């Protein structure tokens, strides 16, 4: 379930989504599932889509963490909010 239709009806590969778009879609899936008014078959499809989106989000977070470690020389950098 790595592909989804975008608003124009075109099939879009989930791997091309930004983190923010993937997270937004994941939230939509969760809301649909929590509503509890969809048939079992759709529920299973939504679950599969949600798992795929969750994996994508985790992978994008891990990639961002790796870039931060690379930039910081492998050291943990604690950011402090500006006052």
Protein backbone atom coordinates (compact mmCIF):
# COMPACT_ATOMS: atom_id res chain seq x y z
CA UNK A 1 0.00 0.00 0.00
CA UNK A 2 2.82 2.36 -0.91
CA UNK A 3 0.74 4.34 -3.35
CA UNK A 4 -2.19 6.63 -2.77
CA UNK A 5 -4.32 8.88 -4.92
CA UNK A 6 -3.73 12.60 -4.57
CA UNK A 7 -6.43 15.24 -4.97
CA UNK A 8 -6.13 15.18 -8.76
CA UNK A 9 -6.76 11.44 -8.85
CA UNK A 10 -3.16 10.69 -9.77
CA UNK A 11 -1.42 7.83 -7.97
CA UNK A 12 1.33 9.15 -5.73
CA UNK A 13 4.17 7.14 -4.18
CA UNK A 14 4.17 7.57 -0.39
CA UNK A 15 7.99 7.63 -0.39
CA UNK A 16 7.81 11.00 -2.18
CA UNK A 17 5.81 12.59 0.63
CA UNK A 18 7.39 15.09 2.97
CA UNK A 19 7.39 14.23 6.66
CA UNK A 20 4.67 16.79 7.27
CA UNK A 21 2.44 15.41 4.49
CA UNK A 22 2.95 11.83 5.67
CA UNK A 23 2.14 12.81 9.26
CA UNK A 24 -0.97 14.66 8.12
CA UNK A 25 -2.16 11.63 6.16
CA UNK A 26 -1.43 9.38 9.14
CA UNK A 27 -3.52 11.64 11.37
CA UNK A 28 -6.37 11.47 8.84
CA UNK A 29 -6.19 7.66 8.84
CA UNK A 30 -6.28 7.57 12.64
CA UNK A 31 -9.30 9.89 12.74
CA UNK A 32 -11.17 7.73 10.22
CA UNK A 33 -10.39 4.60 12.20
CA UNK A 34 -11.34 6.18 15.53
CA UNK A 35 -14.68 7.30 14.11
CA UNK A 36 -15.63 3.62 13.97
CA UNK A 37 -18.18 4.04 11.20
CA UNK A 38 -16.28 2.37 8.36
CA UNK A 39 -16.67 -1.23 7.17
CA UNK A 40 -14.19 -3.86 8.31
CA UNK A 41 -12.53 -4.11 4.88
CA UNK A 42 -11.91 -0.36 4.83
CA UNK A 43 -10.69 -0.52 8.42
CA UNK A 44 -8.07 -3.10 7.44
CA UNK A 45 -7.00 -1.01 4.43
CA UNK A 46 -6.73 2.07 6.63
CA UNK A 47 -4.67 0.11 9.15
CA UNK A 48 -2.29 -1.04 6.41
CA UNK A 49 -1.98 2.49 5.10
CA UNK A 50 -1.37 3.80 8.61
CA UNK A 51 1.39 1.28 9.27
CA UNK A 52 3.06 2.24 5.99
CA UNK A 53 2.82 5.96 6.79
CA UNK A 54 4.13 5.39 10.32
CA UNK A 55 7.18 3.55 8.94
CA UNK A 56 7.76 6.38 6.48
CA UNK A 57 7.56 9.00 9.24
CA UNK A 58 9.97 7.04 11.44
CA UNK A 59 12.42 6.65 8.55
CA UNK A 60 12.32 10.39 7.84
CA UNK A 61 12.91 11.19 11.53
CA UNK A 62 15.83 8.76 11.65
CA UNK A 63 17.31 10.31 8.49
CA UNK A 64 17.00 13.78 10.01
CA UNK A 65 18.65 12.58 13.23
CA UNK A 66 21.53 11.11 11.22
CA UNK A 67 22.02 14.43 9.40
CA UNK A 68 22.05 16.31 12.71
CA UNK A 69 24.64 13.89 14.12
CA UNK A 70 26.70 14.26 10.94
CA UNK A 71 26.62 18.05 11.13
CA UNK A 72 27.44 18.07 14.84
CA UNK A 73 30.36 15.68 14.41
CA UNK A 74 28.55 12.78 16.04
CA UNK A 75 28.16 14.64 19.31
CA UNK A 76 24.82 15.08 20.98
CA UNK A 77 23.86 18.73 20.72
CA UNK A 78 21.27 20.10 23.10
CA UNK A 79 19.44 23.09 21.72
CA UNK A 80 18.28 25.76 24.12
CA UNK A 81 15.37 28.06 23.29
CA UNK A 82 16.27 31.71 22.82
CA UNK A 83 15.14 34.01 25.59
